[in-house]
C-alpha atoms as a PDB file:
ATOM      1  CA  MET A   1     141.597  43.185  72.249  1.00  0.00           C
ATOM      2  CA  MET A   2     137.910  43.347  73.204  1.00  0.00           C
ATOM      3  CA  ILE A   3     138.390  44.042  76.268  1.00  0.00           C
ATOM      4  CA  SER A   4     140.482  47.286  76.037  1.00  0.00           C
ATOM      5  CA  ALA A   5     137.850  48.191  73.309  1.00  0.00           C
ATOM      6  CA  PHE A   6     135.239  48.168  76.255  1.00  0.00           C
ATOM      7  CA  GLN A   7     138.010  49.246  78.545  1.00  0.00           C
ATOM      8  CA  ALA A   8     138.394  52.504  76.620  1.00  0.00           C
ATOM      9  CA  VAL A   9     134.658  53.018  75.915  1.00  0.00           C
ATOM     10  CA  PHE A  10     133.841  52.256  80.047  1.00  0.00           C
ATOM     11  CA  ASP A  11     136.746  55.107  80.864  1.00  0.00           C
ATOM     12  CA  VAL A  12     134.953  57.388  78.465  1.00  0.00           C
ATOM     13  CA  LYS A  13     131.812  56.394  79.991  1.00  0.00           C
ATOM     14  CA  LEU A  14     133.150  56.831  84.179  1.00  0.00           C
ATOM     15  CA  LYS A  15     134.951  60.275  82.889  1.00  0.00           C
ATOM     16  CA  THR A  16     131.769  61.822  81.774  1.00  0.00           C
ATOM     17  CA  ILE A  17     129.499  60.587  84.375  1.00  0.00           C
ATOM     18  CA  LEU A  18     132.047  61.722  86.943  1.00  0.00           C
ATOM     19  CA  THR A  19     132.322  65.251  85.142  1.00  0.00           C
ATOM     20  CA  ALA A  20     128.812  65.535  85.342  1.00  0.00           C
ATOM     21  CA  GLY A  21     128.485  64.633  89.162  1.00  0.00           C
ATOM     22  CA  LEU A  22     130.983  67.244  89.943  1.00  0.00           C
ATOM     23  CA  CYS A  23     129.097  69.912  87.823  1.00  0.00           C
ATOM     24  CA  ALA A  24     125.872  69.111  89.616  1.00  0.00           C
ATOM     25  CA  ALA A  25     127.453  69.013  93.531  1.00  0.00           C
ATOM     26  CA  THR A  26     129.140  72.740  91.924  1.00  0.00           C
ATOM     27  CA  LEU A  27     126.604  74.085  91.253  1.00  0.00           C
ATOM     28  CA  ALA A  28     124.042  72.636  93.781  1.00  0.00           C
ATOM     29  CA  GLY A  29     126.614  74.320  95.812  1.00  0.00           C
ATOM     30  CA  CYS A  30     126.543  77.567  94.345  1.00  0.00           C
ATOM     31  CA  GLY A  31     122.751  77.400  94.508  1.00  0.00           C
ATOM     32  CA  GLY A  32     122.715  76.950  98.131  1.00  0.00           C
ATOM     33  CA  GLY A  33     125.531  79.608  98.999  1.00  0.00           C
ATOM     34  CA  SER A  34     123.765  82.161  96.010  1.00  0.00           C
ATOM     35  CA  ASP A  35     120.574  81.688  98.073  1.00  0.00           C
ATOM     36  CA  SER A  36     122.064  83.058 101.443  1.00  0.00           C
ATOM     37  CA  ILE A  37     123.752  85.665  99.871  1.00  0.00           C
ATOM     38  CA  ALA A  38     120.746  87.040  98.262  1.00  0.00           C
ATOM     39  CA  SER A  39     118.951  86.893 101.482  1.00  0.00           C
ATOM     40  CA  LYS A  40     121.612  88.678 102.655  1.00  0.00           C
ATOM     41  CA  ILE A  41     121.772  91.566  99.866  1.00  0.00           C
ATOM     42  CA  ILE A  42     118.099  91.570 100.016  1.00  0.00           C
ATOM     43  CA  THR A  43     117.337  91.954 103.616  1.00  0.00           C
ATOM     44  CA  GLY A  44     120.993  93.290 104.309  1.00  0.00           C
ATOM     45  CA  GLY A  45     121.947  90.971 107.281  1.00  0.00           C
ATOM     46  CA  GLN A  46     118.264  91.749 109.029  1.00  0.00           C
ATOM     47  CA  GLU A  47     115.235  89.525 109.234  1.00  0.00           C
ATOM     48  CA  PRO A  48     112.724  89.248 106.468  1.00  0.00           C
ATOM     49  CA  ILE A  49     110.789  91.850 105.646  1.00  0.00           C
ATOM     50  CA  GLU A  50     106.537  90.778 105.596  1.00  0.00           C
ATOM     51  CA  VAL A  51     105.190  91.990 102.540  1.00  0.00           C
ATOM     52  CA  SER A  52     101.439  92.568 102.932  1.00  0.00           C
ATOM     53  CA  PRO A  53      98.880  90.838 100.408  1.00  0.00           C
ATOM     54  CA  ALA A  54      97.844  94.059  99.537  1.00  0.00           C
ATOM     55  CA  THR A  55     100.641  94.830  97.571  1.00  0.00           C
ATOM     56  CA  PHE A  56     100.124  92.065  94.766  1.00  0.00           C
ATOM     57  CA  ALA A  57      96.226  92.547  94.601  1.00  0.00           C
ATOM     58  CA  PRO A  58      94.982  94.426  91.070  1.00  0.00           C
ATOM     59  CA  PRO A  59      94.256  97.823  91.416  1.00  0.00           C
ATOM     60  CA  VAL A  60      90.766  99.190  92.415  1.00  0.00           C
ATOM     61  CA  PRO A  61      89.286 100.136  89.242  1.00  0.00           C
ATOM     62  CA  CYS A  62      88.635 103.997  89.128  1.00  0.00           C
ATOM     63  CA  PRO A  63      85.822 106.229  87.367  1.00  0.00           C
ATOM     64  CA  SER A  64      86.929 107.921  84.517  1.00  0.00           C
ATOM     65  CA  MET A  65      87.460 111.944  84.988  1.00  0.00           C
ATOM     66  CA  GLU A  66      86.262 114.280  82.701  1.00  0.00           C
ATOM     67  CA  LEU A  67      87.204 118.023  82.033  1.00  0.00           C
ATOM     68  CA  LYS A  68      83.569 120.150  81.574  1.00  0.00           C
ATOM     69  CA  SER A  69      83.103 121.835  78.429  1.00  0.00           C
ATOM     70  CA  ASN A  70      84.746 125.368  78.451  1.00  0.00           C
ATOM     71  CA  ALA A  71      85.877 124.744  82.206  1.00  0.00           C
ATOM     72  CA  TYR A  72      89.720 124.767  81.441  1.00  0.00           C
ATOM     73  CA  LEU A  73      90.696 128.532  81.260  1.00  0.00           C
ATOM     74  CA  ILE A  74      89.979 131.269  83.478  1.00  0.00           C
ATOM     75  CA  ARG A  75      90.707 135.080  82.573  1.00  0.00           C
ATOM     76  CA  ASN A  76      90.219 137.687  84.546  1.00  0.00           C
ATOM     77  CA  TYR A  77      90.399 141.745  83.596  1.00  0.00           C
ATOM     78  CA  VAL A  78      89.960 144.916  85.311  1.00  0.00           C
ATOM     79  CA  ARG A  79      86.587 145.821  85.722  1.00  0.00           C
ATOM     80  CA  GLY A  80      85.264 148.067  82.208  1.00  0.00           C
ATOM     81  CA  LYS A  81      88.231 146.421  80.196  1.00  0.00           C
ATOM     82  CA  GLU A  82      87.006 142.951  79.530  1.00  0.00           C
ATOM     83  CA  ASP A  83      87.732 141.430  76.436  1.00  0.00           C
ATOM     84  CA  GLU A  84      90.985 144.112  76.091  1.00  0.00           C
ATOM     85  CA  SER A  85      94.459 142.585  76.138  1.00  0.00           C
ATOM     86  CA  GLU A  86      95.835 145.216  78.990  1.00  0.00           C
ATOM     87  CA  GLY A  87      93.147 144.733  80.941  1.00  0.00           C
ATOM     88  CA  LEU A  88      93.943 141.181  81.213  1.00  0.00           C
ATOM     89  CA  LEU A  89      95.236 140.787  85.140  1.00  0.00           C
ATOM     90  CA  TYR A  90      95.770 136.795  84.500  1.00  0.00           C
ATOM     91  CA  GLN A  91      94.356 133.804  82.946  1.00  0.00           C
ATOM     92  CA  ALA A  92      94.742 129.933  84.437  1.00  0.00           C
ATOM     93  CA  THR A  93      94.596 126.773  82.735  1.00  0.00           C
ATOM     94  CA  VAL A  94      93.465 123.370  84.078  1.00  0.00           C
ATOM     95  CA  GLU A  95      95.661 120.902  81.884  1.00  0.00           C
ATOM     96  CA  ASP A  96      96.621 117.827  83.604  1.00  0.00           C
ATOM     97  CA  TRP A  97      94.690 115.441  85.886  1.00  0.00           C
ATOM     98  CA  ALA A  98      94.342 112.299  87.684  1.00  0.00           C
ATOM     99  CA  ASN A  99      92.726 109.694  90.153  1.00  0.00           C
ATOM    100  CA  SER A 100      93.389 106.444  91.915  1.00  0.00           C
ATOM    101  CA  CYS A 101      91.172 104.532  94.181  1.00  0.00           C
ATOM    102  CA  THR A 102      91.132 102.318  97.533  1.00  0.00           C
ATOM    103  CA  GLN A 103      88.926  99.972  98.217  1.00  0.00           C
ATOM    104  CA  GLN A 104      87.917 100.340 102.414  1.00  0.00           C
ATOM    105  CA  ALA A 105      86.089  97.572 104.367  1.00  0.00           C
ATOM    106  CA  ASP A 106      82.354  98.350 103.686  1.00  0.00           C
ATOM    107  CA  GLY A 107      82.626  97.986  99.729  1.00  0.00           C
ATOM    108  CA  GLN A 108      82.965 101.641  98.957  1.00  0.00           C
ATOM    109  CA  ARG A 109      85.937 103.018  97.210  1.00  0.00           C
ATOM    110  CA  LEU A 110      87.683 106.108  98.301  1.00  0.00           C
ATOM    111  CA  MET A 111      89.405 108.117  95.538  1.00  0.00           C
ATOM    112  CA  LYS A 112      92.215 110.837  95.631  1.00  0.00           C
ATOM    113  CA  VAL A 113      91.952 113.200  93.098  1.00  0.00           C
ATOM    114  CA  GLY A 114      94.943 115.271  91.374  1.00  0.00           C
ATOM    115  CA  LEU A 115      94.195 118.516  89.266  1.00  0.00           C
ATOM    116  CA  SER A 116      97.077 120.907  87.795  1.00  0.00           C
ATOM    117  CA  GLY A 117      97.368 123.801  85.366  1.00  0.00           C
ATOM    118  CA  ASP A 118      99.013 127.137  85.136  1.00  0.00           C
ATOM    119  CA  VAL A 119      98.504 131.119  85.870  1.00  0.00           C
ATOM    120  CA  THR A 120      99.769 133.272  83.986  1.00  0.00           C
ATOM    121  CA  PRO A 121     100.145 137.310  84.767  1.00  0.00           C
ATOM    122  CA  GLY A 122      98.681 139.931  82.088  1.00  0.00           C
ATOM    123  CA  PRO A 123      99.505 143.145  81.723  1.00  0.00           C
ATOM    124  CA  ALA A 124      97.489 144.525  84.563  1.00  0.00           C
ATOM    125  CA  TRP A 125      98.364 142.253  86.634  1.00  0.00           C
ATOM    126  CA  LYS A 126     100.156 144.029  89.896  1.00  0.00           C
ATOM    127  CA  GLY A 127     100.960 140.823  91.807  1.00  0.00           C
ATOM    128  CA  GLY A 128      99.641 139.015  94.826  1.00  0.00           C
ATOM    129  CA  GLU A 129      97.310 136.292  95.392  1.00  0.00           C
ATOM    130  CA  ILE A 130      94.650 134.669  93.170  1.00  0.00           C
ATOM    131  CA  VAL A 131      92.075 132.218  94.208  1.00  0.00           C
ATOM    132  CA  LEU A 132      91.272 129.516  92.087  1.00  0.00           C
ATOM    133  CA  PRO A 133      87.984 127.984  92.644  1.00  0.00           C
ATOM    134  CA  LEU A 134      87.637 124.213  91.173  1.00  0.00           C
ATOM    135  CA  ARG A 135      84.421 121.947  90.538  1.00  0.00           C
ATOM    136  CA  VAL A 136      84.479 118.449  91.698  1.00  0.00           C
ATOM    137  CA  ALA A 137      81.446 116.202  91.035  1.00  0.00           C
ATOM    138  CA  ILE A 138      80.789 112.697  91.217  1.00  0.00           C
ATOM    139  CA  VAL A 139      78.071 111.953  88.579  1.00  0.00           C
ATOM    140  CA  PRO A 140      76.324 108.516  88.104  1.00  0.00           C
ATOM    141  CA  GLY A 141      75.847 107.313  84.826  1.00  0.00           C
ATOM    142  CA  GLY A 142      72.727 108.166  82.451  1.00  0.00           C
ATOM    143  CA  THR A 143      71.614 111.249  80.528  1.00  0.00           C
ATOM    144  CA  GLY A 144      70.305 114.355  83.192  1.00  0.00           C
ATOM    145  CA  ALA A 145      71.878 112.588  86.096  1.00  0.00           C
ATOM    146  CA  LYS A 146      72.041 114.523  89.314  1.00  0.00           C
ATOM    147  CA  PRO A 147      75.777 114.592  91.100  1.00  0.00           C
ATOM    148  CA  LEU A 148      75.454 112.450  93.893  1.00  0.00           C
ATOM    149  CA  SER A 149      78.440 115.065  95.164  1.00  0.00           C
ATOM    150  CA  SER A 150      79.585 118.408  94.139  1.00  0.00           C
ATOM    151  CA  GLU A 151      82.113 120.410  95.984  1.00  0.00           C
ATOM    152  CA  VAL A 152      84.267 123.530  94.962  1.00  0.00           C
ATOM    153  CA  LEU A 153      87.626 123.287  95.940  1.00  0.00           C
ATOM    154  CA  THR A 154      90.011 126.120  96.602  1.00  0.00           C
ATOM    155  CA  VAL A 155      93.766 126.911  95.027  1.00  0.00           C
ATOM    156  CA  PRO A 156      95.305 129.639  96.265  1.00  0.00           C
ATOM    157  CA  VAL A 157      98.517 130.350  93.820  1.00  0.00           C
ATOM    158  CA  THR A 158     100.517 133.823  94.585  1.00  0.00           C
ATOM    159  CA  LEU A 159     101.813 135.313  91.566  1.00  0.00           C
ATOM    160  CA  GLY A 160     104.146 138.712  91.442  1.00  0.00           C
ATOM    161  CA  GLU A 161     103.817 141.401  88.949  1.00  0.00           C
ATOM    162  CA  SER A 162     105.461 141.073  85.532  1.00  0.00           C
ATOM    163  CA  ALA A 163     106.281 137.221  86.810  1.00  0.00           C
ATOM    164  CA  PRO A 164     106.667 134.022  84.401  1.00  0.00           C
ATOM    165  CA  ALA A 165     103.334 131.583  84.440  1.00  0.00           C
ATOM    166  CA  GLU A 166     102.919 129.811  87.706  1.00  0.00           C
ATOM    167  CA  LYS A 167     102.408 125.806  88.165  1.00  0.00           C
ATOM    168  CA  TRP A 168      99.503 125.307  90.625  1.00  0.00           C
ATOM    169  CA  THR A 169      98.677 121.508  92.178  1.00  0.00           C
ATOM    170  CA  LEU A 170      95.965 120.480  93.724  1.00  0.00           C
ATOM    171  CA  ILE A 171      95.707 116.829  95.563  1.00  0.00           C
ATOM    172  CA  GLU A 172      92.412 116.138  97.743  1.00  0.00           C
ATOM    173  CA  GLU A 173      91.523 112.699  98.997  1.00  0.00           C
ATOM    174  CA  LYS A 174      88.111 112.802 100.036  1.00  0.00           C
ATOM    175  CA  PHE A 175      85.797 111.413  97.474  1.00  0.00           C
ATOM    176  CA  THR A 176      83.572 108.270  98.279  1.00  0.00           C
ATOM    177  CA  ILE A 177      82.371 105.858  95.940  1.00  0.00           C
ATOM    178  CA  PRO A 178      79.203 104.477  96.476  1.00  0.00           C
ATOM    179  CA  GLN A 179      79.711 100.238  96.346  1.00  0.00           C
ATOM    180  CA  GLY A 180      77.776  99.150  92.647  1.00  0.00           C
ATOM    181  CA  GLN A 181      77.814 102.762  91.765  1.00  0.00           C
ATOM    182  CA  SER A 182      78.751 103.543  87.931  1.00  0.00           C
ATOM    183  CA  VAL A 183      80.255 107.175  88.082  1.00  0.00           C
ATOM    184  CA  LYS A 184      82.584 109.432  86.149  1.00  0.00           C
ATOM    185  CA  VAL A 185      84.476 112.246  87.958  1.00  0.00           C
ATOM    186  CA  VAL A 186      83.236 115.818  86.344  1.00  0.00           C
ATOM    187  CA  PHE A 187      85.612 118.546  87.147  1.00  0.00           C
ATOM    188  CA  GLY A 188      86.625 122.196  85.727  1.00  0.00           C
ATOM    189  CA  PHE A 189      86.561 126.261  87.067  1.00  0.00           C
ATOM    190  CA  ASP A 190      83.753 127.021  88.259  1.00  0.00           C
ATOM    191  CA  GLU A 191      83.165 131.402  88.395  1.00  0.00           C
ATOM    192  CA  GLY A 192      79.862 130.897  90.085  1.00  0.00           C
ATOM    193  CA  ARG A 193      78.455 134.194  89.274  1.00  0.00           C
ATOM    194  CA  ARG A 194      80.713 136.189  87.397  1.00  0.00           C
ATOM    195  CA  ARG A 195      79.859 133.506  84.589  1.00  0.00           C
END
């Protein structure tokens, strides 16, 4: 009686061990197979693709961007009809902006700046090309600091008579920020003497 009870417990334990072993072997086989399948899916059956360590590098910090006060809008009128709605040729606005930076070998940062907005024709517009003047300045921190660089960039926009508003975009990747400098980017329309 004692032997058969012992035998029953032993049989149950043996079945449990065998079942666990078979499951582990099955899962190991599946795991091994899944690695090769995943590899084929990821690489399409070709050699592994090399990924640059720069892909996983933290982003390079970029300076903040600041729209210069009263420089987000241009209104151009027919001479002698300034500030009259029927004399409006067009108006342009700055609406969106962004920047991104990359680290250079010499420690400086190269900055790409993107600006965009709209140009809307007025009642007096007869169609043609408009050239929007945008100033981008790299200014060091502190009050009254002189810009490290300041440049007027032009954006040509073709606008038909009675056309709907036209979107404009400017992307420039030529601004350099010196190593260790704390700066901000100040931008906006610059009409020069007309203002």
